[in-house]
């Protein structure tokens, strides 16, 4: 009985936990503790703002991929080559900041 409930819970919560881990990332966990030590609660408003700005991309990106059974990159490809190249350019530029963090 308990094993059945645990199995059902892990099937339900497992994908959500994996998605949350990829959305947060290791750098966020490390940098948030460092920022908390350096700035205290002064940055809470900024963290909430950034989280609110990031949320639609994670929410609707997953919904798009799930409903169309394609990847986000395929969606950008359907918008045309300029959208795809812009995506790759932004990814390349941001990777240096993410790695540096």
PDB file of N, CA and C in Angstrom:
ATOM      1  N   UNK A   1       0.826  -1.199   0.000  1.00  0.00           N
ATOM      2  CA  UNK A   1       0.000   0.000   0.000  1.00  0.00           C
ATOM      3  C   UNK A   1       0.870   1.263   0.000  1.00  0.00           C
ATOM      4  N   UNK A   2       1.826   1.317   0.895  1.00  0.00           N
ATOM      5  CA  UNK A   2       2.701   2.487   0.957  1.00  0.00           C
ATOM      6  C   UNK A   2       3.577   2.549  -0.286  1.00  0.00           C
ATOM      7  N   UNK A   3       4.053   1.392  -0.756  1.00  0.00           N
ATOM      8  CA  UNK A   3       4.875   1.372  -1.963  1.00  0.00           C
ATOM      9  C   UNK A   3       4.098   1.850  -3.179  1.00  0.00           C
ATOM     10  N   UNK A   4       2.805   1.514  -3.255  1.00  0.00           N
ATOM     11  CA  UNK A   4       1.980   1.973  -4.372  1.00  0.00           C
ATOM     12  C   UNK A   4       1.822   3.486  -4.344  1.00  0.00           C
ATOM     13  N   UNK A   5       1.598   4.033  -3.152  1.00  0.00           N
ATOM     14  CA  UNK A   5       1.445   5.487  -3.045  1.00  0.00           C
ATOM     15  C   UNK A   5       2.756   6.199  -3.334  1.00  0.00           C
ATOM     16  N   UNK A   6       3.859   5.621  -2.875  1.00  0.00           N
ATOM     17  CA  UNK A   6       5.170   6.208  -3.149  1.00  0.00           C
ATOM     18  C   UNK A   6       5.490   6.156  -4.636  1.00  0.00           C
ATOM     19  N   UNK A   7       5.144   5.055  -5.279  1.00  0.00           N
ATOM     20  CA  UNK A   7       5.370   4.922  -6.719  1.00  0.00           C
ATOM     21  C   UNK A   7       4.522   5.928  -7.495  1.00  0.00           C
ATOM     22  N   UNK A   8       3.261   6.075  -7.100  1.00  0.00           N
ATOM     23  CA  UNK A   8       2.386   7.045  -7.772  1.00  0.00           C
ATOM     24  C   UNK A   8       2.896   8.463  -7.563  1.00  0.00           C
ATOM     25  N   UNK A   9       3.367   8.756  -6.354  1.00  0.00           N
ATOM     26  CA  UNK A   9       3.898  10.090  -6.076  1.00  0.00           C
ATOM     27  C   UNK A   9       5.143  10.369  -6.908  1.00  0.00           C
ATOM     28  N   UNK A  10       6.035   9.383  -7.007  1.00  0.00           N
ATOM     29  CA  UNK A  10       7.269   9.603  -7.768  1.00  0.00           C
ATOM     30  C   UNK A  10       6.990   9.761  -9.257  1.00  0.00           C
ATOM     31  N   UNK A  11       5.969   9.080  -9.771  1.00  0.00           N
ATOM     32  CA  UNK A  11       5.610   9.253 -11.183  1.00  0.00           C
ATOM     33  C   UNK A  11       5.033  10.635 -11.435  1.00  0.00           C
ATOM     34  N   UNK A  12       4.346  11.172 -10.441  1.00  0.00           N
ATOM     35  CA  UNK A  12       3.750  12.496 -10.589  1.00  0.00           C
ATOM     36  C   UNK A  12       4.767  13.601 -10.331  1.00  0.00           C
ATOM     37  N   UNK A  13       5.518  13.484  -9.263  1.00  0.00           N
ATOM     38  CA  UNK A  13       6.433  14.553  -8.864  1.00  0.00           C
ATOM     39  C   UNK A  13       7.772  14.492  -9.581  1.00  0.00           C
ATOM     40  N   UNK A  14       8.177  13.325 -10.024  1.00  0.00           N
ATOM     41  CA  UNK A  14       9.495  13.160 -10.639  1.00  0.00           C
ATOM     42  C   UNK A  14       9.772  14.105 -11.792  1.00  0.00           C
ATOM     43  N   UNK A  15       8.907  14.137 -12.823  1.00  0.00           N
ATOM     44  CA  UNK A  15       9.159  15.061 -13.939  1.00  0.00           C
ATOM     45  C   UNK A  15       9.169  16.528 -13.516  1.00  0.00           C
ATOM     46  N   UNK A  16       8.319  16.886 -12.557  1.00  0.00           N
ATOM     47  CA  UNK A  16       8.300  18.267 -12.079  1.00  0.00           C
ATOM     48  C   UNK A  16       9.578  18.655 -11.365  1.00  0.00           C
ATOM     49  N   UNK A  17      10.100  17.731 -10.579  1.00  0.00           N
ATOM     50  CA  UNK A  17      11.356  18.000  -9.870  1.00  0.00           C
ATOM     51  C   UNK A  17      12.503  18.124 -10.860  1.00  0.00           C
ATOM     52  N   UNK A  18      12.536  17.251 -11.864  1.00  0.00           N
ATOM     53  CA  UNK A  18      13.583  17.347 -12.885  1.00  0.00           C
ATOM     54  C   UNK A  18      13.501  18.673 -13.635  1.00  0.00           C
ATOM     55  N   UNK A  19      12.283  19.104 -13.992  1.00  0.00           N
ATOM     56  CA  UNK A  19      12.115  20.375 -14.696  1.00  0.00           C
ATOM     57  C   UNK A  19      12.556  21.541 -13.815  1.00  0.00           C
ATOM     58  N   UNK A  20      12.198  21.497 -12.546  1.00  0.00           N
ATOM     59  CA  UNK A  20      12.602  22.568 -11.630  1.00  0.00           C
ATOM     60  C   UNK A  20      14.118  22.630 -11.494  1.00  0.00           C
ATOM     61  N   UNK A  21      14.763  21.477 -11.449  1.00  0.00           N
ATOM     62  CA  UNK A  21      16.230  21.453 -11.344  1.00  0.00           C
ATOM     63  C   UNK A  21      16.886  22.051 -12.580  1.00  0.00           C
ATOM     64  N   UNK A  22      16.344  21.759 -13.761  1.00  0.00           N
ATOM     65  CA  UNK A  22      16.938  22.330 -14.967  1.00  0.00           C
ATOM     66  C   UNK A  22      16.628  23.815 -15.079  1.00  0.00           C
ATOM     67  N   UNK A  23      15.474  24.249 -14.597  1.00  0.00           N
ATOM     68  CA  UNK A  23      15.123  25.667 -14.660  1.00  0.00           C
ATOM     69  C   UNK A  23      15.977  26.487 -13.700  1.00  0.00           C
ATOM     70  N   UNK A  24      16.261  25.934 -12.538  1.00  0.00           N
ATOM     71  CA  UNK A  24      17.047  26.666 -11.549  1.00  0.00           C
ATOM     72  C   UNK A  24      18.525  26.594 -11.885  1.00  0.00           C
ATOM     73  N   UNK A  25      19.051  25.416 -12.003  1.00  0.00           N
ATOM     74  CA  UNK A  25      20.457  25.241 -12.351  1.00  0.00           C
ATOM     75  C   UNK A  25      21.387  25.414 -11.164  1.00  0.00           C
ATOM     76  N   UNK A  26      22.563  24.882 -11.315  1.00  0.00           N
ATOM     77  CA  UNK A  26      23.552  24.917 -10.239  1.00  0.00           C
ATOM     78  C   UNK A  26      24.053  26.332  -9.996  1.00  0.00           C
ATOM     79  N   UNK A  27      24.263  27.093 -11.062  1.00  0.00           N
ATOM     80  CA  UNK A  27      24.808  28.442 -10.878  1.00  0.00           C
ATOM     81  C   UNK A  27      23.860  29.317 -10.063  1.00  0.00           C
ATOM     82  N   UNK A  28      22.544  29.123 -10.234  1.00  0.00           N
ATOM     83  CA  UNK A  28      21.594  29.902  -9.444  1.00  0.00           C
ATOM     84  C   UNK A  28      21.713  29.560  -7.960  1.00  0.00           C
ATOM     85  N   UNK A  29      21.885  28.298  -7.659  1.00  0.00           N
ATOM     86  CA  UNK A  29      22.001  27.910  -6.253  1.00  0.00           C
ATOM     87  C   UNK A  29      23.272  28.468  -5.626  1.00  0.00           C
ATOM     88  N   UNK A  30      24.369  28.409  -6.350  1.00  0.00           N
ATOM     89  CA  UNK A  30      25.638  28.903  -5.815  1.00  0.00           C
ATOM     90  C   UNK A  30      25.611  30.422  -5.712  1.00  0.00           C
ATOM     91  N   UNK A  31      25.182  31.093  -6.764  1.00  0.00           N
ATOM     92  CA  UNK A  31      25.210  32.553  -6.769  1.00  0.00           C
ATOM     93  C   UNK A  31      24.181  33.157  -5.823  1.00  0.00           C
ATOM     94  N   UNK A  32      23.051  32.480  -5.611  1.00  0.00           N
ATOM     95  CA  UNK A  32      22.053  33.042  -4.702  1.00  0.00           C
ATOM     96  C   UNK A  32      22.560  33.057  -3.267  1.00  0.00           C
ATOM     97  N   UNK A  33      23.292  32.026  -2.878  1.00  0.00           N
ATOM     98  CA  UNK A  33      23.847  32.040  -1.519  1.00  0.00           C
ATOM     99  C   UNK A  33      24.935  33.102  -1.387  1.00  0.00           C
ATOM    100  N   UNK A  34      25.706  33.273  -2.429  1.00  0.00           N
ATOM    101  CA  UNK A  34      26.759  34.300  -2.396  1.00  0.00           C
ATOM    102  C   UNK A  34      26.138  35.702  -2.365  1.00  0.00           C
ATOM    103  N   UNK A  35      25.128  35.920  -3.205  1.00  0.00           N
ATOM    104  CA  UNK A  35      24.464  37.225  -3.218  1.00  0.00           C
ATOM    105  C   UNK A  35      23.781  37.497  -1.886  1.00  0.00           C
ATOM    106  N   UNK A  36      23.201  36.463  -1.296  1.00  0.00           N
ATOM    107  CA  UNK A  36      22.586  36.634   0.018  1.00  0.00           C
ATOM    108  C   UNK A  36      23.599  37.025   1.075  1.00  0.00           C
ATOM    109  N   UNK A  37      24.780  36.442   0.997  1.00  0.00           N
ATOM    110  CA  UNK A  37      25.830  36.781   1.962  1.00  0.00           C
ATOM    111  C   UNK A  37      26.345  38.198   1.738  1.00  0.00           C
ATOM    112  N   UNK A  38      26.449  38.607   0.474  1.00  0.00           N
ATOM    113  CA  UNK A  38      26.994  39.935   0.167  1.00  0.00           C
ATOM    114  C   UNK A  38      25.977  41.059   0.362  1.00  0.00           C
ATOM    115  N   UNK A  39      24.731  40.832  -0.062  1.00  0.00           N
ATOM    116  CA  UNK A  39      23.754  41.921  -0.109  1.00  0.00           C
ATOM    117  C   UNK A  39      22.584  41.756   0.857  1.00  0.00           C
ATOM    118  N   UNK A  40      22.455  40.618   1.495  1.00  0.00           N
ATOM    119  CA  UNK A  40      21.333  40.402   2.402  1.00  0.00           C
ATOM    120  C   UNK A  40      20.019  40.345   1.635  1.00  0.00           C
ATOM    121  N   UNK A  41      19.007  40.977   2.174  1.00  0.00           N
ATOM    122  CA  UNK A  41      17.680  40.951   1.551  1.00  0.00           C
ATOM    123  C   UNK A  41      17.468  42.073   0.539  1.00  0.00           C
ATOM    124  N   UNK A  42      18.509  42.847   0.280  1.00  0.00           N
ATOM    125  CA  UNK A  42      18.382  43.972  -0.641  1.00  0.00           C
ATOM    126  C   UNK A  42      18.012  43.522  -2.056  1.00  0.00           C
ATOM    127  N   UNK A  43      18.398  42.305  -2.453  1.00  0.00           N
ATOM    128  CA  UNK A  43      18.180  41.822  -3.818  1.00  0.00           C
ATOM    129  C   UNK A  43      16.885  41.031  -3.990  1.00  0.00           C
ATOM    130  N   UNK A  44      16.073  40.889  -2.961  1.00  0.00           N
ATOM    131  CA  UNK A  44      14.868  40.061  -3.053  1.00  0.00           C
ATOM    132  C   UNK A  44      13.933  40.574  -4.142  1.00  0.00           C
ATOM    133  N   UNK A  45      13.751  41.865  -4.235  1.00  0.00           N
ATOM    134  CA  UNK A  45      12.881  42.432  -5.267  1.00  0.00           C
ATOM    135  C   UNK A  45      13.369  42.111  -6.668  1.00  0.00           C
ATOM    136  N   UNK A  46      14.664  42.202  -6.868  1.00  0.00           N
ATOM    137  CA  UNK A  46      15.250  41.881  -8.169  1.00  0.00           C
ATOM    138  C   UNK A  46      15.066  40.405  -8.504  1.00  0.00           C
ATOM    139  N   UNK A  47      15.261  39.534  -7.524  1.00  0.00           N
ATOM    140  CA  UNK A  47      15.089  38.092  -7.743  1.00  0.00           C
ATOM    141  C   UNK A  47      13.643  37.779  -8.111  1.00  0.00           C
ATOM    142  N   UNK A  48      12.703  38.394  -7.439  1.00  0.00           N
ATOM    143  CA  UNK A  48      11.289  38.178  -7.759  1.00  0.00           C
ATOM    144  C   UNK A  48      10.981  38.689  -9.159  1.00  0.00           C
ATOM    145  N   UNK A  49      11.494  39.852  -9.521  1.00  0.00           N
ATOM    146  CA  UNK A  49      11.266  40.405 -10.857  1.00  0.00           C
ATOM    147  C   UNK A  49      11.820  39.490 -11.943  1.00  0.00           C
ATOM    148  N   UNK A  50      13.037  39.025 -11.777  1.00  0.00           N
ATOM    149  CA  UNK A  50      13.655  38.148 -12.775  1.00  0.00           C
ATOM    150  C   UNK A  50      12.893  36.834 -12.884  1.00  0.00           C
ATOM    151  N   UNK A  51      12.451  36.305 -11.760  1.00  0.00           N
ATOM    152  CA  UNK A  51      11.670  35.065 -11.782  1.00  0.00           C
ATOM    153  C   UNK A  51      10.364  35.268 -12.532  1.00  0.00           C
ATOM    154  N   UNK A  52       9.709  36.384 -12.313  1.00  0.00           N
ATOM    155  CA  UNK A  52       8.463  36.668 -13.035  1.00  0.00           C
ATOM    156  C   UNK A  52       8.705  36.834 -14.532  1.00  0.00           C
ATOM    157  N   UNK A  53       9.853  37.394 -14.907  1.00  0.00           N
ATOM    158  CA  UNK A  53      10.169  37.559 -16.325  1.00  0.00           C
ATOM    159  C   UNK A  53      10.542  36.234 -16.985  1.00  0.00           C
ATOM    160  N   UNK A  54      11.183  35.331 -16.246  1.00  0.00           N
ATOM    161  CA  UNK A  54      11.585  34.040 -16.803  1.00  0.00           C
ATOM    162  C   UNK A  54      10.420  33.057 -16.904  1.00  0.00           C
ATOM    163  N   UNK A  55       9.447  33.183 -16.031  1.00  0.00           N
ATOM    164  CA  UNK A  55       8.374  32.195 -15.932  1.00  0.00           C
ATOM    165  C   UNK A  55       7.652  31.926 -17.250  1.00  0.00           C
ATOM    166  N   UNK A  56       7.222  32.948 -18.007  1.00  0.00           N
ATOM    167  CA  UNK A  56       6.487  32.652 -19.246  1.00  0.00           C
ATOM    168  C   UNK A  56       7.288  31.825 -20.243  1.00  0.00           C
ATOM    169  N   UNK A  57       8.587  32.021 -20.289  1.00  0.00           N
ATOM    170  CA  UNK A  57       9.399  31.265 -21.244  1.00  0.00           C
ATOM    171  C   UNK A  57       9.448  29.785 -20.880  1.00  0.00           C
ATOM    172  N   UNK A  58       9.584  29.490 -19.598  1.00  0.00           N
ATOM    173  CA  UNK A  58       9.579  28.092 -19.177  1.00  0.00           C
ATOM    174  C   UNK A  58       8.184  27.485 -19.313  1.00  0.00           C
ATOM    175  N   UNK A  59       7.166  28.233 -18.938  1.00  0.00           N
ATOM    176  CA  UNK A  59       5.795  27.717 -18.990  1.00  0.00           C
ATOM    177  C   UNK A  59       5.355  27.432 -20.418  1.00  0.00           C
ATOM    178  N   UNK A  60       5.442  28.428 -21.279  1.00  0.00           N
ATOM    179  CA  UNK A  60       4.904  28.263 -22.628  1.00  0.00           C
ATOM    180  C   UNK A  60       5.862  27.532 -23.555  1.00  0.00           C
ATOM    181  N   UNK A  61       7.149  27.525 -23.232  1.00  0.00           N
ATOM    182  CA  UNK A  61       8.081  26.700 -24.000  1.00  0.00           C
ATOM    183  C   UNK A  61       7.762  25.228 -23.844  1.00  0.00           C
ATOM    184  N   UNK A  62       7.491  24.808 -22.609  1.00  0.00           N
ATOM    185  CA  UNK A  62       7.126  23.402 -22.387  1.00  0.00           C
ATOM    186  C   UNK A  62       5.771  23.084 -22.980  1.00  0.00           C
ATOM    187  N   UNK A  63       4.832  24.007 -22.862  1.00  0.00           N
ATOM    188  CA  UNK A  63       3.503  23.758 -23.450  1.00  0.00           C
ATOM    189  C   UNK A  63       3.594  23.629 -24.963  1.00  0.00           C
ATOM    190  N   UNK A  64       4.398  24.480 -25.590  1.00  0.00           N
ATOM    191  CA  UNK A  64       4.560  24.408 -27.041  1.00  0.00           C
ATOM    192  C   UNK A  64       5.149  23.061 -27.449  1.00  0.00           C
ATOM    193  N   UNK A  65       6.223  22.668 -26.786  1.00  0.00           N
ATOM    194  CA  UNK A  65       6.875  21.401 -27.133  1.00  0.00           C
ATOM    195  C   UNK A  65       5.943  20.223 -26.898  1.00  0.00           C
ATOM    196  N   UNK A  66       5.160  20.272 -25.842  1.00  0.00           N
ATOM    197  CA  UNK A  66       4.247  19.174 -25.540  1.00  0.00           C
ATOM    198  C   UNK A  66       3.083  19.113 -26.524  1.00  0.00           C
ATOM    199  N   UNK A  67       2.532  20.254 -26.874  1.00  0.00           N
ATOM    200  CA  UNK A  67       1.356  20.242 -27.755  1.00  0.00           C
ATOM    201  C   UNK A  67       1.713  19.981 -29.210  1.00  0.00           C
ATOM    202  N   UNK A  68       2.882  20.411 -29.660  1.00  0.00           N
ATOM    203  CA  UNK A  68       3.261  20.197 -31.062  1.00  0.00           C
ATOM    204  C   UNK A  68       4.132  18.966 -31.260  1.00  0.00           C
ATOM    205  N   UNK A  69       4.606  18.387 -30.161  1.00  0.00           N
ATOM    206  CA  UNK A  69       5.512  17.230 -30.215  1.00  0.00           C
ATOM    207  C   UNK A  69       6.781  17.543 -31.012  1.00  0.00           C
ATOM    208  N   UNK A  70       7.202  18.795 -30.967  1.00  0.00           N
ATOM    209  CA  UNK A  70       8.455  19.223 -31.589  1.00  0.00           C
ATOM    210  C   UNK A  70       9.254  20.009 -30.552  1.00  0.00           C
ATOM    211  N   UNK A  71      10.462  20.352 -30.898  1.00  0.00           N
ATOM    212  CA  UNK A  71      11.298  21.111 -29.967  1.00  0.00           C
ATOM    213  C   UNK A  71      11.095  22.611 -30.184  1.00  0.00           C
ATOM    214  N   UNK A  72      11.597  23.374 -29.254  1.00  0.00           N
ATOM    215  CA  UNK A  72      11.546  24.835 -29.369  1.00  0.00           C
ATOM    216  C   UNK A  72      12.359  25.285 -30.579  1.00  0.00           C
ATOM    217  N   UNK A  73      13.473  24.627 -30.821  1.00  0.00           N
ATOM    218  CA  UNK A  73      14.317  24.998 -31.963  1.00  0.00           C
ATOM    219  C   UNK A  73      13.568  24.768 -33.270  1.00  0.00           C
ATOM    220  N   UNK A  74      12.774  23.706 -33.355  1.00  0.00           N
ATOM    221  CA  UNK A  74      11.941  23.502 -34.544  1.00  0.00           C
ATOM    222  C   UNK A  74      10.931  24.638 -34.701  1.00  0.00           C
ATOM    223  N   UNK A  75      10.416  25.127 -33.588  1.00  0.00           N
ATOM    224  CA  UNK A  75       9.496  26.264 -33.641  1.00  0.00           C
ATOM    225  C   UNK A  75      10.172  27.523 -34.152  1.00  0.00           C
ATOM    226  N   UNK A  76      11.399  27.767 -33.697  1.00  0.00           N
ATOM    227  CA  UNK A  76      12.148  28.915 -34.210  1.00  0.00           C
ATOM    228  C   UNK A  76      12.448  28.749 -35.693  1.00  0.00           C
ATOM    229  N   UNK A  77      12.725  27.519 -36.095  1.00  0.00           N
ATOM    230  CA  UNK A  77      13.014  27.250 -37.507  1.00  0.00           C
ATOM    231  C   UNK A  77      11.793  27.567 -38.375  1.00  0.00           C
ATOM    232  N   UNK A  78      10.600  27.295 -37.852  1.00  0.00           N
ATOM    233  CA  UNK A  78       9.375  27.605 -38.596  1.00  0.00           C
ATOM    234  C   UNK A  78       9.162  29.106 -38.735  1.00  0.00           C
ATOM    235  N   UNK A  79       9.703  29.878 -37.810  1.00  0.00           N
ATOM    236  CA  UNK A  79       9.590  31.337 -37.908  1.00  0.00           C
ATOM    237  C   UNK A  79      10.506  31.920 -38.973  1.00  0.00           C
ATOM    238  N   UNK A  80      11.483  31.134 -39.396  1.00  0.00           N
ATOM    239  CA  UNK A  80      12.414  31.588 -40.422  1.00  0.00           C
ATOM    240  C   UNK A  80      13.842  31.557 -39.920  1.00  0.00           C
ATOM    241  N   UNK A  81      14.751  31.632 -40.870  1.00  0.00           N
ATOM    242  CA  UNK A  81      16.170  31.551 -40.510  1.00  0.00           C
ATOM    243  C   UNK A  81      16.641  32.701 -39.621  1.00  0.00           C
ATOM    244  N   UNK A  82      16.147  33.937 -39.796  1.00  0.00           N
ATOM    245  CA  UNK A  82      16.608  35.000 -38.890  1.00  0.00           C
ATOM    246  C   UNK A  82      16.299  34.705 -37.415  1.00  0.00           C
ATOM    247  N   UNK A  83      15.135  34.138 -37.140  1.00  0.00           N
ATOM    248  CA  UNK A  83      14.788  33.807 -35.750  1.00  0.00           C
ATOM    249  C   UNK A  83      15.707  32.723 -35.208  1.00  0.00           C
ATOM    250  N   UNK A  84      16.018  31.745 -36.042  1.00  0.00           N
ATOM    251  CA  UNK A  84      16.903  30.659 -35.620  1.00  0.00           C
ATOM    252  C   UNK A  84      18.321  31.178 -35.367  1.00  0.00           C
ATOM    253  N   UNK A  85      18.808  32.035 -36.255  1.00  0.00           N
ATOM    254  CA  UNK A  85      20.152  32.596 -36.067  1.00  0.00           C
ATOM    255  C   UNK A  85      20.211  33.510 -34.845  1.00  0.00           C
ATOM    256  N   UNK A  86      19.132  34.264 -34.593  1.00  0.00           N
ATOM    257  CA  UNK A  86      19.084  35.114 -33.405  1.00  0.00           C
ATOM    258  C   UNK A  86      19.136  34.260 -32.138  1.00  0.00           C
ATOM    259  N   UNK A  87      18.418  33.142 -32.146  1.00  0.00           N
ATOM    260  CA  UNK A  87      18.454  32.224 -31.006  1.00  0.00           C
ATOM    261  C   UNK A  87      19.876  31.720 -30.762  1.00  0.00           C
ATOM    262  N   UNK A  88      20.533  31.261 -31.821  1.00  0.00           N
ATOM    263  CA  UNK A  88      21.895  30.753 -31.668  1.00  0.00           C
ATOM    264  C   UNK A  88      22.861  31.851 -31.228  1.00  0.00           C
ATOM    265  N   UNK A  89      22.702  33.059 -31.759  1.00  0.00           N
ATOM    266  CA  UNK A  89      23.565  34.170 -31.368  1.00  0.00           C
ATOM    267  C   UNK A  89      23.395  34.493 -29.881  1.00  0.00           C
ATOM    268  N   UNK A  90      22.144  34.579 -29.428  1.00  0.00           N
ATOM    269  CA  UNK A  90      21.901  34.865 -28.014  1.00  0.00           C
ATOM    270  C   UNK A  90      22.416  33.740 -27.119  1.00  0.00           C
ATOM    271  N   UNK A  91      22.302  32.505 -27.588  1.00  0.00           N
ATOM    272  CA  UNK A  91      22.818  31.376 -26.812  1.00  0.00           C
ATOM    273  C   UNK A  91      24.332  31.453 -26.690  1.00  0.00           C
ATOM    274  N   UNK A  92      25.000  31.747 -27.799  1.00  0.00           N
ATOM    275  CA  UNK A  92      26.464  31.852 -27.781  1.00  0.00           C
ATOM    276  C   UNK A  92      26.906  33.006 -26.879  1.00  0.00           C
ATOM    277  N   UNK A  93      26.251  34.159 -26.987  1.00  0.00           N
ATOM    278  CA  UNK A  93      26.640  35.309 -26.170  1.00  0.00           C
ATOM    279  C   UNK A  93      26.386  35.070 -24.689  1.00  0.00           C
ATOM    280  N   UNK A  94      25.263  34.441 -24.365  1.00  0.00           N
ATOM    281  CA  UNK A  94      24.942  34.243 -22.950  1.00  0.00           C
ATOM    282  C   UNK A  94      25.749  33.125 -22.317  1.00  0.00           C
ATOM    283  N   UNK A  95      26.296  32.216 -23.116  1.00  0.00           N
ATOM    284  CA  UNK A  95      27.025  31.097 -22.519  1.00  0.00           C
ATOM    285  C   UNK A  95      28.271  31.571 -21.779  1.00  0.00           C
ATOM    286  N   UNK A  96      28.866  32.666 -22.206  1.00  0.00           N
ATOM    287  CA  UNK A  96      30.047  33.173 -21.516  1.00  0.00           C
ATOM    288  C   UNK A  96      29.681  33.721 -20.134  1.00  0.00           C
ATOM    289  N   UNK A  97      28.529  34.381 -20.047  1.00  0.00           N
ATOM    290  CA  UNK A  97      28.095  34.915 -18.760  1.00  0.00           C
ATOM    291  C   UNK A  97      27.668  33.800 -17.817  1.00  0.00           C
ATOM    292  N   UNK A  98      26.991  32.795 -18.353  1.00  0.00           N
ATOM    293  CA  UNK A  98      26.553  31.670 -17.524  1.00  0.00           C
ATOM    294  C   UNK A  98      27.758  30.901 -17.008  1.00  0.00           C
ATOM    295  N   UNK A  99      28.740  30.681 -17.876  1.00  0.00           N
ATOM    296  CA  UNK A  99      29.943  29.964 -17.459  1.00  0.00           C
ATOM    297  C   UNK A  99      30.731  30.783 -16.440  1.00  0.00           C
ATOM    298  N   UNK A 100      30.787  32.084 -16.643  1.00  0.00           N
ATOM    299  CA  UNK A 100      31.505  32.945 -15.705  1.00  0.00           C
ATOM    300  C   UNK A 100      30.840  33.023 -14.345  1.00  0.00           C
ATOM    301  N   UNK A 101      29.522  32.879 -14.322  1.00  0.00           N
ATOM    302  CA  UNK A 101      28.803  32.937 -13.045  1.00  0.00           C
ATOM    303  C   UNK A 101      29.089  31.703 -12.235  1.00  0.00           C
TER     304      UNK A 101
END
